[in-house]
């Protein structure tokens, strides 16, 4: 159901606003951290989805599947403690898929 609001106050930095009219458009933003010896490979560490009214539908940290070698905190705002207890990638991916199904997706560098 695309009208489900997913929110975890313990794992989110942004509180969602009250749900407004059902939206046909959502925006996504992801924060990545560096992995690997050279820190040049990236892995998802946080994802946020908002509707066209700016209502936060999802804002979750994502547990790393590999050792993080660069949190890129200056740009990402992510620290090691943010990922402790975070849901795994598969769980977050499923939540995101539910929210964007049948919607117009807005973002940058989406590939």
Foldseek 3Di string as FASTA:
>chain_A
DQQAADDDPVLFPDDFDDDDPDAQEKEKDWDWFFDDPVSPDTDTFWMWMAGPVRGTRDIGGAADPGDGPGRVCVPRVDDPVSNVPTHHPVVVVVVVCSNCVNHHYDYPPDD
